[in-house]
Amino acid sequence: MEGSLKQSKASVHLIDSDANVRRTLEGLLVSDTRQVMSHVSTDAFLAEFEPVHPACLILDLHLQDLASQKLLDHLRTTHADIPVIAIAAHTDLSAALSAIRCGAVDVCLKPLDPQTFLTLVDQTLAADAARERLRQQTAAARQRLARLTTRERQLFSLVVEGQSYKEMAATLGISPRTVEHHRAHIITKLGTDRVVDMVRIGLFAEGVITIPELTSLKSPTSTPHLSADKTRADDRATPTAAPMMSCRDCVVTAGLR
C-alpha cells in the first residue's frame, strides 16, 4: 500500500486486524477519487497519520484490548481532525452506541451493503472537504479584519449594518469626509468595495457561517448504520441489516469478488 498522500485524492484510512477484511475493503474503497491506507493496528495508524483533507477513518470496533475504544478516546481528547466511521457486529449495539458517544460520525453494522457503505464514505469525505473550506475561509476573513485599525473596525461594523455615510458620521461623531477616508482604507485592506462581500467577511470571521454536521447527512434508509443524530435521539435504535457483505467473514456478494 502506498504511503504517500496525493492531494488530488481523498484519503481513507482503514484499521482492521484481519488481513482478509482489509483486502476486501481496500478493493471496495479504492477508486479514482479515493486512496486507501490500511493499518493492522491503531498504533500503526497513529504512527503514519497526517492531517490532510478530505479524509476519513474506517475503524473496526472489535480490535483486541479495547484498542478501538482507546483510539476514539485519544482522537477526541487530542482534537484530531479526522471523521471516523466505525464498523460493528449487528448484534453489538453497545459498542456501536459507545463509539457514537466517543465521537464517531457514524457506525455501520455488519453485514455491510457495499453501495450504501460507499455512499456514506463519500458523504463523509465531502463533508470533511466542506469543513476544511470553511476553516480556510474563516481564517482568511479573520486575517483581513486583523488589518483594520480600531476605528476602521468600528466603521466596518456600521457598513455591514447598512448605515449611510451621514448615519455613520453621526454614530461615530466624525465628519462624513472622515468616514469616506476610513472607508477607502477599509476597501483597500479588505480587497472589496461591495457591501455584500464585507457582510460575508464579517460572518465568516465571527463564525456565523457554518456547514451541516456530518451526522445530518442522510444515507439511504436501507443502510445498516447508526448516525450520531439518531443515536442521540434514541439510544435504543435498532437498524435493519442488509445482508450483502460480511466483512468479518469475508463473504463478498453482489459481484464484489
Protein backbone atom coordinates (compact mmCIF):
# COMPACT_ATOMS: atom_id res chain seq x y z
CA MET A 1 0.00 0.00 0.00
CA GLU A 2 1.41 3.35 -0.99
CA GLY A 3 2.12 5.65 1.93
CA SER A 4 2.41 8.93 0.04
CA LEU A 5 -0.56 11.27 0.03
CA LYS A 6 -1.90 12.67 -3.19
CA GLN A 7 -3.84 15.88 -2.82
CA SER A 8 -5.98 15.03 -5.84
CA LYS A 9 -7.49 12.08 -3.97
CA ALA A 10 -9.37 11.79 -0.71
CA SER A 11 -7.58 9.75 1.96
CA VAL A 12 -9.37 6.80 3.54
CA HIS A 13 -7.62 5.17 6.49
CA LEU A 14 -8.69 1.63 7.34
CA ILE A 15 -7.93 -0.17 10.62
CA ASP A 16 -8.68 -3.89 10.92
CA SER A 17 -6.52 -6.66 12.35
CA ASP A 18 -7.85 -9.20 9.84
CA ALA A 19 -5.80 -9.17 6.61
CA ASN A 20 -8.67 -10.69 4.59
CA VAL A 21 -11.05 -8.00 5.74
CA ARG A 22 -8.54 -5.28 4.90
CA ARG A 23 -8.07 -6.67 1.39
CA THR A 24 -11.83 -6.89 0.88
CA LEU A 25 -12.48 -3.33 1.99
CA GLU A 26 -9.47 -1.98 0.11
CA GLY A 27 -10.83 -3.48 -3.10
CA LEU A 28 -14.19 -1.89 -2.40
CA LEU A 29 -12.88 1.54 -1.43
CA VAL A 30 -10.05 2.22 -3.89
CA SER A 31 -11.17 4.44 -6.78
CA ASP A 32 -10.11 7.34 -8.96
CA THR A 33 -11.16 9.74 -6.18
CA ARG A 34 -10.14 7.73 -3.08
CA GLN A 35 -6.81 6.34 -1.91
CA VAL A 36 -6.81 3.78 0.88
CA MET A 37 -4.19 3.36 3.58
CA SER A 38 -4.59 0.15 5.57
CA HIS A 39 -3.31 -0.31 9.11
CA VAL A 40 -3.11 -3.53 11.06
CA SER A 41 -3.46 -1.75 14.41
CA THR A 42 -4.30 1.59 15.99
CA ASP A 43 -0.62 2.13 16.84
CA ALA A 44 0.31 1.64 13.19
CA PHE A 45 -2.33 4.19 12.20
CA LEU A 46 -1.12 6.79 14.70
CA ALA A 47 2.47 6.33 13.56
CA GLU A 48 1.54 7.13 9.94
CA PHE A 49 -1.37 9.54 10.32
CA GLU A 50 -1.02 13.02 8.87
CA PRO A 51 -3.93 15.51 8.97
CA VAL A 52 -4.84 16.03 5.33
CA HIS A 53 -8.23 16.83 3.82
CA PRO A 54 -10.52 15.39 2.78
CA ALA A 55 -10.03 12.22 4.79
CA CYS A 56 -11.84 9.73 6.99
CA LEU A 57 -11.07 6.70 9.14
CA ILE A 58 -12.84 3.34 8.88
CA LEU A 59 -12.43 1.65 12.27
CA ASP A 60 -13.29 -1.91 13.28
CA LEU A 61 -14.74 -1.77 16.78
CA HIS A 62 -13.66 -5.29 17.70
CA LEU A 63 -9.91 -4.94 17.94
CA GLN A 64 -8.16 -6.63 20.87
CA ASP A 65 -7.64 -4.95 24.25
CA LEU A 66 -10.30 -2.31 23.59
CA ALA A 67 -7.89 -0.68 21.13
CA SER A 68 -10.75 0.83 19.11
CA GLN A 69 -12.28 2.50 22.16
CA LYS A 70 -8.88 3.79 23.26
CA LEU A 71 -8.23 5.26 19.81
CA LEU A 72 -11.59 7.03 19.76
CA ASP A 73 -10.85 8.47 23.19
CA HIS A 74 -7.40 9.58 22.01
CA LEU A 75 -8.74 11.23 18.86
CA ARG A 76 -11.38 13.06 20.89
CA THR A 77 -9.07 14.31 23.64
CA THR A 78 -6.37 15.42 21.20
CA HIS A 79 -8.92 17.01 18.86
CA ALA A 80 -7.53 15.01 15.95
CA ASP A 81 -9.13 16.31 12.80
CA ILE A 82 -10.46 13.19 11.07
CA PRO A 83 -14.05 11.90 10.93
CA VAL A 84 -14.48 8.26 11.98
CA ILE A 85 -16.86 5.66 10.57
CA ALA A 86 -16.93 2.66 12.88
CA ILE A 87 -17.91 -0.88 11.91
CA ALA A 88 -19.56 -3.15 14.46
CA ALA A 89 -21.26 -6.53 14.59
CA HIS A 90 -25.00 -6.31 14.03
CA THR A 91 -25.60 -7.82 17.49
CA ASP A 92 -23.19 -5.49 19.32
CA LEU A 93 -25.25 -2.32 19.68
CA SER A 94 -23.49 -1.41 22.93
CA ALA A 95 -20.18 -0.99 21.09
CA ALA A 96 -21.91 0.99 18.35
CA LEU A 97 -23.55 3.37 20.82
CA SER A 98 -20.30 3.79 22.73
CA ALA A 99 -18.50 4.72 19.50
CA ILE A 100 -21.10 7.38 18.69
CA ARG A 101 -20.74 8.86 22.17
CA CYS A 102 -16.96 8.96 21.72
CA GLY A 103 -17.18 10.97 18.52
CA ALA A 104 -17.66 8.55 15.62
CA VAL A 105 -19.77 10.27 12.96
CA ASP A 106 -21.49 7.01 12.08
CA VAL A 107 -21.49 3.30 12.85
CA CYS A 108 -22.16 0.71 10.15
CA LEU A 109 -23.44 -2.64 11.27
CA LYS A 110 -22.35 -5.89 9.65
CA PRO A 111 -23.09 -7.31 7.18
CA LEU A 112 -22.44 -4.21 5.10
CA ASP A 113 -24.23 -3.25 1.94
CA PRO A 114 -21.40 -2.22 -0.43
CA GLN A 115 -23.18 0.60 -2.26
CA THR A 116 -24.70 2.26 0.79
CA PHE A 117 -21.38 1.92 2.63
CA LEU A 118 -19.56 3.68 -0.22
CA THR A 119 -22.25 6.37 -0.27
CA LEU A 120 -21.68 7.02 3.42
CA VAL A 121 -17.90 7.17 2.94
CA ASP A 122 -18.24 9.65 0.07
CA GLN A 123 -20.69 11.79 2.08
CA THR A 124 -18.24 11.81 4.99
CA LEU A 125 -15.37 12.85 2.73
CA ALA A 126 -17.48 15.57 1.10
CA ALA A 127 -18.45 16.97 4.50
CA ASP A 128 -14.81 16.92 5.63
CA ALA A 129 -13.81 18.83 2.48
CA ALA A 130 -16.57 21.38 3.13
CA ARG A 131 -15.42 21.83 6.73
CA GLU A 132 -11.86 22.41 5.56
CA ARG A 133 -13.01 25.04 3.03
CA LEU A 134 -14.97 26.73 5.81
CA ARG A 135 -11.91 26.74 8.08
CA GLN A 136 -9.81 28.30 5.34
CA GLN A 137 -12.42 30.95 4.54
CA THR A 138 -12.87 31.76 8.22
CA ALA A 139 -9.11 32.11 8.72
CA ALA A 140 -8.82 34.32 5.62
CA ALA A 141 -11.67 36.57 6.79
CA ARG A 142 -10.15 36.98 10.25
CA GLN A 143 -6.78 37.74 8.69
CA ARG A 144 -8.31 40.50 6.59
CA LEU A 145 -10.16 42.06 9.51
CA ALA A 146 -6.98 41.97 11.59
CA ARG A 147 -5.51 44.52 9.17
CA LEU A 148 -8.09 47.14 10.21
CA THR A 149 -7.47 49.74 12.89
CA THR A 150 -9.86 50.09 15.81
CA ARG A 151 -11.66 52.99 14.12
CA GLU A 152 -11.84 51.08 10.84
CA ARG A 153 -13.34 48.09 12.64
CA GLN A 154 -15.99 50.38 14.13
CA LEU A 155 -16.78 51.79 10.72
CA PHE A 156 -16.77 48.33 9.17
CA SER A 157 -19.45 47.21 11.63
CA LEU A 158 -21.63 50.15 10.65
CA VAL A 159 -21.12 49.49 6.95
CA VAL A 160 -22.24 45.90 7.48
CA GLU A 161 -25.30 47.19 9.33
CA GLY A 162 -26.19 49.18 6.22
CA GLN A 163 -25.77 52.69 7.62
CA SER A 164 -25.30 55.62 5.26
CA TYR A 165 -22.28 57.95 5.33
CA LYS A 166 -24.30 60.52 7.27
CA GLU A 167 -25.54 57.94 9.79
CA MET A 168 -22.06 56.56 10.33
CA ALA A 169 -20.66 60.04 10.84
CA ALA A 170 -23.35 60.78 13.45
CA THR A 171 -22.80 57.46 15.22
CA LEU A 172 -19.04 57.90 15.47
CA GLY A 173 -19.08 61.65 15.98
CA ILE A 174 -16.92 62.35 12.95
CA SER A 175 -17.45 64.15 9.65
CA PRO A 176 -18.78 62.38 6.51
CA ARG A 177 -15.48 63.21 4.83
CA THR A 178 -13.60 61.34 7.56
CA VAL A 179 -16.00 58.44 7.11
CA GLU A 180 -15.19 58.40 3.41
CA HIS A 181 -11.46 58.46 4.21
CA HIS A 182 -11.69 55.47 6.58
CA ARG A 183 -13.95 53.57 4.20
CA ALA A 184 -11.37 53.94 1.43
CA HIS A 185 -8.78 52.34 3.69
CA ILE A 186 -11.20 49.52 4.56
CA ILE A 187 -11.82 48.83 0.87
CA THR A 188 -8.08 48.64 0.21
CA LYS A 189 -7.37 46.33 3.16
CA LEU A 190 -10.30 44.00 2.55
CA GLY A 191 -9.88 43.95 -1.21
CA THR A 192 -13.52 44.74 -1.98
CA ASP A 193 -15.86 47.71 -2.14
CA ARG A 194 -19.03 45.60 -2.21
CA VAL A 195 -21.09 45.69 0.97
CA VAL A 196 -22.29 42.14 0.38
CA ASP A 197 -18.67 40.93 0.38
CA MET A 198 -17.98 42.84 3.58
CA VAL A 199 -21.01 41.22 5.18
CA ARG A 200 -19.74 37.81 4.12
CA ILE A 201 -16.27 38.52 5.52
CA GLY A 202 -17.82 39.59 8.80
CA LEU A 203 -19.98 36.48 9.03
CA PHE A 204 -17.07 34.17 8.32
CA ALA A 205 -14.86 35.96 10.84
CA GLU A 206 -17.49 35.71 13.55
CA GLY A 207 -18.09 32.03 12.86
CA VAL A 208 -21.71 32.67 11.95
CA ILE A 209 -21.45 30.79 8.65
CA THR A 210 -21.36 27.04 9.26
CA ILE A 211 -21.95 23.85 7.33
CA PRO A 212 -24.27 20.95 8.20
CA GLU A 213 -22.79 18.50 10.66
CA LEU A 214 -21.62 15.22 9.22
CA THR A 215 -24.33 13.46 11.16
CA SER A 216 -27.06 15.43 9.42
CA LEU A 217 -26.18 13.86 6.09
CA LYS A 218 -28.84 11.33 5.29
CA SER A 219 -27.91 7.95 3.92
CA PRO A 220 -30.38 5.64 2.15
CA THR A 221 -32.83 4.16 4.62
CA SER A 222 -31.69 0.62 3.81
CA THR A 223 -28.20 1.27 5.16
CA PRO A 224 -27.47 -0.68 8.37
CA HIS A 225 -25.88 2.15 10.30
CA LEU A 226 -26.32 4.31 13.36
CA SER A 227 -25.86 8.03 12.85
CA ALA A 228 -24.90 10.27 15.75
CA ASP A 229 -28.15 12.27 15.43
CA LYS A 230 -30.31 9.17 15.51
CA THR A 231 -28.40 7.71 18.44
CA ARG A 232 -28.73 10.88 20.49
CA ALA A 233 -32.45 10.88 19.80
CA ASP A 234 -32.94 7.21 20.73
CA ASP A 235 -30.12 5.08 22.14
CA ARG A 236 -32.25 2.02 21.64
CA ALA A 237 -32.47 2.40 17.87
CA THR A 238 -32.19 -0.95 16.09
CA PRO A 239 -31.20 -0.62 12.43
CA THR A 240 -32.11 -3.31 9.92
CA ALA A 241 -29.19 -5.08 8.31
CA ALA A 242 -28.97 -5.62 4.58
CA PRO A 243 -27.17 -8.98 4.10
CA MET A 244 -24.94 -8.02 1.19
CA MET A 245 -21.38 -8.31 2.54
CA SER A 246 -19.97 -9.70 5.76
CA CYS A 247 -16.64 -8.01 6.43
CA ARG A 248 -15.60 -10.23 9.31
CA ASP A 249 -16.32 -13.48 7.44
CA CYS A 250 -15.12 -12.02 4.15
CA VAL A 251 -18.27 -13.17 2.40
CA VAL A 252 -18.46 -10.95 -0.65
CA THR A 253 -21.56 -10.98 -2.80
CA ALA A 254 -23.25 -8.75 -5.36
CA GLY A 255 -20.38 -9.27 -7.80
CA LEU A 256 -17.68 -7.93 -5.47
CA ARG A 257 -15.03 -10.67 -5.75
